[in-house]
């Protein structure tokens, strides 16, 4: 919650970053002549955004969180929100998307390091390799996690198949743990070599697996 010109806003969204996002929307609305009461009503009706700090609940006794978080700053903001809202009660198991192919290589070990510093178990999985070697991308992300103190085969796992990685994470989860799935959010496909796409919805995959546990 926050105030703008004595108007109180109470959002259903998690995270301080959503205050910043809302302030940007409010500023734009005011510049176009909209009233703050209109902004308040609109923003307070938003229940959530697909694939952005979205919890998946199929009655399990642990939390499952899907968040896009493809950049170091967004990943840091996600973990800051988890801390601010006291979401960590048990262990954190993080299925980390391994950075799309053909993009900034330097961020790969950085993302691995951030996940390693915050999660108890990091599972690095395929994301959108495009024409790059997906295992090479995973290994580059893993280097950052290893440098941050994770041990491969124990607190660090490399699983090429993303569905298998999510299955592994959900199987490892115990009561009050938090399973985080990042890198895909609400995207509807995994992009692989030669322009091909594999139909994919991270949230639906998680739901289907949870129903089988």
C-alpha atoms as a PDB file:
ATOM      1  CA  UNK A   1       0.000   0.000   0.000  1.00  0.00           C
ATOM      2  CA  UNK A   2       1.053   3.603  -0.657  1.00  0.00           C
ATOM      3  CA  UNK A   3      -0.338   7.100  -1.010  1.00  0.00           C
ATOM      4  CA  UNK A   4      -0.362   9.591  -3.875  1.00  0.00           C
ATOM      5  CA  UNK A   5      -1.616  13.114  -3.093  1.00  0.00           C
ATOM      6  CA  UNK A   6      -3.554  11.860  -0.023  1.00  0.00           C
ATOM      7  CA  UNK A   7      -5.210   9.054  -2.024  1.00  0.00           C
ATOM      8  CA  UNK A   8      -4.525   5.653  -0.422  1.00  0.00           C
ATOM      9  CA  UNK A   9      -3.816   2.674  -2.690  1.00  0.00           C
ATOM     10  CA  UNK A  10      -4.026  -0.892  -1.373  1.00  0.00           C
ATOM     11  CA  UNK A  11      -2.920  -3.372  -4.050  1.00  0.00           C
ATOM     12  CA  UNK A  12      -3.331  -7.134  -4.206  1.00  0.00           C
ATOM     13  CA  UNK A  13       0.079  -7.388  -5.940  1.00  0.00           C
ATOM     14  CA  UNK A  14       3.271  -8.464  -4.172  1.00  0.00           C
ATOM     15  CA  UNK A  15       6.500  -6.507  -4.057  1.00  0.00           C
ATOM     16  CA  UNK A  16       7.819  -2.980  -3.841  1.00  0.00           C
ATOM     17  CA  UNK A  17       8.590  -3.116  -7.565  1.00  0.00           C
ATOM     18  CA  UNK A  18       4.831  -3.180  -8.186  1.00  0.00           C
ATOM     19  CA  UNK A  19       4.570   0.118  -6.319  1.00  0.00           C
ATOM     20  CA  UNK A  20       7.044   1.556  -8.835  1.00  0.00           C
ATOM     21  CA  UNK A  21       5.108   0.024 -11.730  1.00  0.00           C
ATOM     22  CA  UNK A  22       1.869   1.465 -10.367  1.00  0.00           C
ATOM     23  CA  UNK A  23       3.373   4.926  -9.917  1.00  0.00           C
ATOM     24  CA  UNK A  24       4.444   4.888 -13.560  1.00  0.00           C
ATOM     25  CA  UNK A  25       0.898   3.956 -14.618  1.00  0.00           C
ATOM     26  CA  UNK A  26      -0.591   6.624 -12.339  1.00  0.00           C
ATOM     27  CA  UNK A  27       1.770   9.285 -13.712  1.00  0.00           C
ATOM     28  CA  UNK A  28       0.745   8.434 -17.265  1.00  0.00           C
ATOM     29  CA  UNK A  29      -2.951   8.455 -16.321  1.00  0.00           C
ATOM     30  CA  UNK A  30      -2.682  11.857 -14.603  1.00  0.00           C
ATOM     31  CA  UNK A  31      -0.859  13.292 -17.610  1.00  0.00           C
ATOM     32  CA  UNK A  32      -3.869  12.312 -19.733  1.00  0.00           C
ATOM     33  CA  UNK A  33      -6.394  13.937 -17.413  1.00  0.00           C
ATOM     34  CA  UNK A  34      -7.606  10.848 -15.523  1.00  0.00           C
ATOM     35  CA  UNK A  35      -8.555  11.265 -11.872  1.00  0.00           C
ATOM     36  CA  UNK A  36      -6.752   9.520  -9.003  1.00  0.00           C
ATOM     37  CA  UNK A  37      -9.998   7.822  -7.970  1.00  0.00           C
ATOM     38  CA  UNK A  38     -10.107   6.132 -11.373  1.00  0.00           C
ATOM     39  CA  UNK A  39      -6.481   4.999 -10.955  1.00  0.00           C
ATOM     40  CA  UNK A  40      -7.232   3.661  -7.471  1.00  0.00           C
ATOM     41  CA  UNK A  41     -10.262   1.659  -8.611  1.00  0.00           C
ATOM     42  CA  UNK A  42      -8.433   0.197 -11.605  1.00  0.00           C
ATOM     43  CA  UNK A  43      -5.237  -0.777  -9.779  1.00  0.00           C
ATOM     44  CA  UNK A  44      -7.002  -2.236  -6.750  1.00  0.00           C
ATOM     45  CA  UNK A  45      -9.020  -4.544  -9.024  1.00  0.00           C
ATOM     46  CA  UNK A  46      -5.879  -6.219 -10.401  1.00  0.00           C
ATOM     47  CA  UNK A  47      -5.670  -9.698  -8.823  1.00  0.00           C
ATOM     48  CA  UNK A  48      -2.320 -10.567 -10.352  1.00  0.00           C
ATOM     49  CA  UNK A  49      -0.326 -10.774 -13.567  1.00  0.00           C
ATOM     50  CA  UNK A  50       0.182 -14.078 -15.418  1.00  0.00           C
ATOM     51  CA  UNK A  51       3.629 -15.502 -14.767  1.00  0.00           C
ATOM     52  CA  UNK A  52       4.680 -12.598 -12.531  1.00  0.00           C
ATOM     53  CA  UNK A  53       4.896 -13.569  -8.856  1.00  0.00           C
ATOM     54  CA  UNK A  54       2.089 -16.041  -9.586  1.00  0.00           C
ATOM     55  CA  UNK A  55       1.440 -18.767  -7.025  1.00  0.00           C
ATOM     56  CA  UNK A  56       0.277 -22.200  -8.200  1.00  0.00           C
ATOM     57  CA  UNK A  57      -1.950 -23.941  -5.679  1.00  0.00           C
ATOM     58  CA  UNK A  58      -3.284 -27.451  -6.112  1.00  0.00           C
ATOM     59  CA  UNK A  59      -3.702 -28.121  -2.392  1.00  0.00           C
ATOM     60  CA  UNK A  60      -0.038 -28.973  -1.724  1.00  0.00           C
ATOM     61  CA  UNK A  61       1.493 -28.151   1.681  1.00  0.00           C
ATOM     62  CA  UNK A  62       4.316 -26.097   0.127  1.00  0.00           C
ATOM     63  CA  UNK A  63       4.326 -23.012  -2.081  1.00  0.00           C
ATOM     64  CA  UNK A  64       5.020 -22.946  -5.826  1.00  0.00           C
ATOM     65  CA  UNK A  65       5.883 -19.596  -7.362  1.00  0.00           C
ATOM     66  CA  UNK A  66       6.204 -18.844 -11.086  1.00  0.00           C
ATOM     67  CA  UNK A  67       8.006 -15.637 -12.007  1.00  0.00           C
ATOM     68  CA  UNK A  68       9.564 -14.526 -15.283  1.00  0.00           C
ATOM     69  CA  UNK A  69      12.667 -12.838 -13.739  1.00  0.00           C
ATOM     70  CA  UNK A  70      15.011 -13.163 -16.753  1.00  0.00           C
ATOM     71  CA  UNK A  71      17.490 -10.469 -15.676  1.00  0.00           C
ATOM     72  CA  UNK A  72      19.711 -10.123 -12.586  1.00  0.00           C
ATOM     73  CA  UNK A  73      17.756  -7.101 -11.315  1.00  0.00           C
ATOM     74  CA  UNK A  74      14.380  -8.807 -11.699  1.00  0.00           C
ATOM     75  CA  UNK A  75      15.707 -11.927  -9.956  1.00  0.00           C
ATOM     76  CA  UNK A  76      17.041  -9.815  -7.086  1.00  0.00           C
ATOM     77  CA  UNK A  77      13.691  -8.010  -6.816  1.00  0.00           C
ATOM     78  CA  UNK A  78      11.872 -11.353  -6.702  1.00  0.00           C
ATOM     79  CA  UNK A  79      14.025 -12.591  -3.827  1.00  0.00           C
ATOM     80  CA  UNK A  80      13.670  -9.250  -2.047  1.00  0.00           C
ATOM     81  CA  UNK A  81       9.891  -9.604  -2.272  1.00  0.00           C
ATOM     82  CA  UNK A  82      10.068 -13.144  -0.886  1.00  0.00           C
ATOM     83  CA  UNK A  83      12.071 -11.822   2.065  1.00  0.00           C
ATOM     84  CA  UNK A  84       9.859  -8.751   2.627  1.00  0.00           C
ATOM     85  CA  UNK A  85       6.697 -10.878   2.717  1.00  0.00           C
ATOM     86  CA  UNK A  86       8.185 -13.617   4.926  1.00  0.00           C
ATOM     87  CA  UNK A  87       7.578 -16.327   2.336  1.00  0.00           C
ATOM     88  CA  UNK A  88      10.605 -18.388   3.354  1.00  0.00           C
ATOM     89  CA  UNK A  89       9.618 -20.826   6.086  1.00  0.00           C
ATOM     90  CA  UNK A  90      11.269 -24.021   4.898  1.00  0.00           C
ATOM     91  CA  UNK A  91      13.803 -24.576   2.130  1.00  0.00           C
ATOM     92  CA  UNK A  92      13.844 -22.759  -1.203  1.00  0.00           C
ATOM     93  CA  UNK A  93      14.178 -24.955  -4.299  1.00  0.00           C
ATOM     94  CA  UNK A  94      14.779 -22.886  -7.415  1.00  0.00           C
ATOM     95  CA  UNK A  95      14.356 -24.163 -10.974  1.00  0.00           C
ATOM     96  CA  UNK A  96      16.405 -21.562 -12.789  1.00  0.00           C
ATOM     97  CA  UNK A  97      15.872 -20.795 -16.442  1.00  0.00           C
ATOM     98  CA  UNK A  98      19.279 -20.750 -18.057  1.00  0.00           C
ATOM     99  CA  UNK A  99      19.135 -17.610 -20.235  1.00  0.00           C
ATOM    100  CA  UNK A 100      17.989 -17.723 -23.824  1.00  0.00           C
ATOM    101  CA  UNK A 101      20.438 -18.438 -26.600  1.00  0.00           C
ATOM    102  CA  UNK A 102      21.830 -15.606 -28.698  1.00  0.00           C
ATOM    103  CA  UNK A 103      21.636 -13.173 -25.785  1.00  0.00           C
ATOM    104  CA  UNK A 104      23.906 -11.586 -23.200  1.00  0.00           C
ATOM    105  CA  UNK A 105      26.304 -14.360 -22.182  1.00  0.00           C
ATOM    106  CA  UNK A 106      27.727 -12.382 -19.259  1.00  0.00           C
ATOM    107  CA  UNK A 107      24.503 -12.544 -17.259  1.00  0.00           C
ATOM    108  CA  UNK A 108      24.435 -16.354 -17.206  1.00  0.00           C
ATOM    109  CA  UNK A 109      26.853 -16.911 -14.283  1.00  0.00           C
ATOM    110  CA  UNK A 110      25.409 -13.822 -12.557  1.00  0.00           C
ATOM    111  CA  UNK A 111      21.928 -15.377 -12.491  1.00  0.00           C
ATOM    112  CA  UNK A 112      23.423 -18.632 -11.253  1.00  0.00           C
ATOM    113  CA  UNK A 113      25.172 -16.777  -8.444  1.00  0.00           C
ATOM    114  CA  UNK A 114      22.037 -14.906  -7.355  1.00  0.00           C
ATOM    115  CA  UNK A 115      20.008 -18.124  -7.207  1.00  0.00           C
ATOM    116  CA  UNK A 116      22.791 -19.906  -5.322  1.00  0.00           C
ATOM    117  CA  UNK A 117      23.010 -17.189  -2.670  1.00  0.00           C
ATOM    118  CA  UNK A 118      19.272 -17.231  -1.999  1.00  0.00           C
ATOM    119  CA  UNK A 119      18.057 -20.795  -2.590  1.00  0.00           C
ATOM    120  CA  UNK A 120      18.935 -23.982  -0.733  1.00  0.00           C
ATOM    121  CA  UNK A 121      18.783 -26.080  -3.897  1.00  0.00           C
ATOM    122  CA  UNK A 122      19.289 -24.767  -7.435  1.00  0.00           C
ATOM    123  CA  UNK A 123      18.167 -26.821 -10.435  1.00  0.00           C
ATOM    124  CA  UNK A 124      19.383 -25.330 -13.722  1.00  0.00           C
ATOM    125  CA  UNK A 125      17.219 -26.285 -16.678  1.00  0.00           C
ATOM    126  CA  UNK A 126      16.774 -25.540 -20.353  1.00  0.00           C
ATOM    127  CA  UNK A 127      14.882 -22.343 -21.220  1.00  0.00           C
ATOM    128  CA  UNK A 128      15.002 -20.923 -24.780  1.00  0.00           C
ATOM    129  CA  UNK A 129      18.275 -22.084 -26.330  1.00  0.00           C
ATOM    130  CA  UNK A 130      17.401 -21.076 -29.902  1.00  0.00           C
ATOM    131  CA  UNK A 131      20.470 -22.138 -31.936  1.00  0.00           C
ATOM    132  CA  UNK A 132      22.876 -22.294 -28.983  1.00  0.00           C
ATOM    133  CA  UNK A 133      23.905 -25.546 -27.292  1.00  0.00           C
ATOM    134  CA  UNK A 134      21.500 -25.740 -24.313  1.00  0.00           C
ATOM    135  CA  UNK A 135      23.930 -27.753 -22.192  1.00  0.00           C
ATOM    136  CA  UNK A 136      26.656 -25.180 -22.746  1.00  0.00           C
ATOM    137  CA  UNK A 137      24.288 -22.459 -21.508  1.00  0.00           C
ATOM    138  CA  UNK A 138      23.405 -24.541 -18.439  1.00  0.00           C
ATOM    139  CA  UNK A 139      27.091 -25.081 -17.666  1.00  0.00           C
ATOM    140  CA  UNK A 140      27.776 -21.346 -17.872  1.00  0.00           C
ATOM    141  CA  UNK A 141      24.943 -20.611 -15.425  1.00  0.00           C
ATOM    142  CA  UNK A 142      26.200 -23.398 -13.163  1.00  0.00           C
ATOM    143  CA  UNK A 143      29.637 -21.796 -12.937  1.00  0.00           C
ATOM    144  CA  UNK A 144      28.111 -18.814 -11.170  1.00  0.00           C
ATOM    145  CA  UNK A 145      26.252 -21.073  -8.753  1.00  0.00           C
ATOM    146  CA  UNK A 146      29.402 -23.070  -7.992  1.00  0.00           C
ATOM    147  CA  UNK A 147      31.403 -19.894  -7.383  1.00  0.00           C
ATOM    148  CA  UNK A 148      28.675 -18.824  -4.942  1.00  0.00           C
ATOM    149  CA  UNK A 149      29.139 -22.022  -2.939  1.00  0.00           C
ATOM    150  CA  UNK A 150      26.816 -24.644  -4.396  1.00  0.00           C
ATOM    151  CA  UNK A 151      27.987 -28.251  -4.819  1.00  0.00           C
ATOM    152  CA  UNK A 152      27.070 -30.045  -8.021  1.00  0.00           C
ATOM    153  CA  UNK A 153      25.085 -33.209  -7.404  1.00  0.00           C
ATOM    154  CA  UNK A 154      23.937 -31.983  -3.986  1.00  0.00           C
ATOM    155  CA  UNK A 155      22.750 -28.376  -3.718  1.00  0.00           C
ATOM    156  CA  UNK A 156      23.177 -27.844  -7.471  1.00  0.00           C
ATOM    157  CA  UNK A 157      21.562 -29.985 -10.163  1.00  0.00           C
ATOM    158  CA  UNK A 158      21.734 -29.646 -13.936  1.00  0.00           C
ATOM    159  CA  UNK A 159      18.664 -31.080 -15.694  1.00  0.00           C
ATOM    160  CA  UNK A 160      18.358 -30.484 -19.428  1.00  0.00           C
ATOM    161  CA  UNK A 161      14.674 -31.391 -19.747  1.00  0.00           C
ATOM    162  CA  UNK A 162      12.648 -28.581 -18.160  1.00  0.00           C
ATOM    163  CA  UNK A 163       9.642 -30.764 -17.319  1.00  0.00           C
ATOM    164  CA  UNK A 164      11.940 -33.236 -15.602  1.00  0.00           C
ATOM    165  CA  UNK A 165      13.558 -30.384 -13.661  1.00  0.00           C
ATOM    166  CA  UNK A 166      10.184 -29.149 -12.397  1.00  0.00           C
ATOM    167  CA  UNK A 167       9.184 -32.710 -11.500  1.00  0.00           C
ATOM    168  CA  UNK A 168      12.424 -33.083  -9.534  1.00  0.00           C
ATOM    169  CA  UNK A 169      11.870 -29.815  -7.660  1.00  0.00           C
ATOM    170  CA  UNK A 170       8.289 -30.668  -6.720  1.00  0.00           C
ATOM    171  CA  UNK A 171       9.317 -34.155  -5.596  1.00  0.00           C
ATOM    172  CA  UNK A 172      12.027 -32.667  -3.365  1.00  0.00           C
ATOM    173  CA  UNK A 173       9.657 -30.165  -1.734  1.00  0.00           C
ATOM    174  CA  UNK A 174       8.498 -30.776   1.827  1.00  0.00           C
ATOM    175  CA  UNK A 175       5.945 -29.009   4.024  1.00  0.00           C
ATOM    176  CA  UNK A 176       6.449 -25.199   4.126  1.00  0.00           C
ATOM    177  CA  UNK A 177       9.128 -25.247   1.394  1.00  0.00           C
ATOM    178  CA  UNK A 178       9.037 -22.786  -1.505  1.00  0.00           C
ATOM    179  CA  UNK A 179       9.568 -23.987  -5.076  1.00  0.00           C
ATOM    180  CA  UNK A 180      10.435 -21.186  -7.519  1.00  0.00           C
ATOM    181  CA  UNK A 181      10.238 -21.543 -11.300  1.00  0.00           C
ATOM    182  CA  UNK A 182      11.862 -18.681 -13.215  1.00  0.00           C
ATOM    183  CA  UNK A 183      12.767 -17.869 -16.789  1.00  0.00           C
ATOM    184  CA  UNK A 184       9.514 -18.646 -18.605  1.00  0.00           C
ATOM    185  CA  UNK A 185       6.696 -16.942 -16.725  1.00  0.00           C
ATOM    186  CA  UNK A 186       3.554 -17.091 -18.859  1.00  0.00           C
ATOM    187  CA  UNK A 187       5.323 -17.640 -22.189  1.00  0.00           C
ATOM    188  CA  UNK A 188       3.576 -20.193 -24.371  1.00  0.00           C
ATOM    189  CA  UNK A 189       6.534 -21.896 -26.072  1.00  0.00           C
ATOM    190  CA  UNK A 190      10.146 -22.995 -25.666  1.00  0.00           C
ATOM    191  CA  UNK A 191      12.211 -21.708 -28.594  1.00  0.00           C
ATOM    192  CA  UNK A 192      14.729 -24.213 -29.941  1.00  0.00           C
ATOM    193  CA  UNK A 193      17.021 -24.551 -32.958  1.00  0.00           C
ATOM    194  CA  UNK A 194      16.078 -23.639 -36.529  1.00  0.00           C
ATOM    195  CA  UNK A 195      13.152 -21.473 -35.493  1.00  0.00           C
ATOM    196  CA  UNK A 196      11.147 -24.337 -34.010  1.00  0.00           C
ATOM    197  CA  UNK A 197       8.923 -23.894 -30.967  1.00  0.00           C
ATOM    198  CA  UNK A 198       7.755 -26.413 -28.384  1.00  0.00           C
ATOM    199  CA  UNK A 199       4.323 -25.636 -26.895  1.00  0.00           C
ATOM    200  CA  UNK A 200       4.820 -24.842 -23.215  1.00  0.00           C
ATOM    201  CA  UNK A 201       2.998 -23.239 -20.302  1.00  0.00           C
ATOM    202  CA  UNK A 202       5.042 -23.377 -17.091  1.00  0.00           C
ATOM    203  CA  UNK A 203       1.982 -22.886 -14.912  1.00  0.00           C
ATOM    204  CA  UNK A 204      -0.001 -25.693 -16.526  1.00  0.00           C
ATOM    205  CA  UNK A 205       3.007 -28.029 -16.363  1.00  0.00           C
ATOM    206  CA  UNK A 206       3.370 -27.333 -12.638  1.00  0.00           C
ATOM    207  CA  UNK A 207      -0.356 -27.867 -12.033  1.00  0.00           C
ATOM    208  CA  UNK A 208      -0.377 -31.207 -13.852  1.00  0.00           C
ATOM    209  CA  UNK A 209       2.625 -32.482 -11.910  1.00  0.00           C
ATOM    210  CA  UNK A 210       1.218 -31.290  -8.571  1.00  0.00           C
ATOM    211  CA  UNK A 211      -2.014 -33.188  -9.223  1.00  0.00           C
ATOM    212  CA  UNK A 212      -0.029 -36.430  -9.568  1.00  0.00           C
ATOM    213  CA  UNK A 213       1.887 -36.063  -6.298  1.00  0.00           C
END
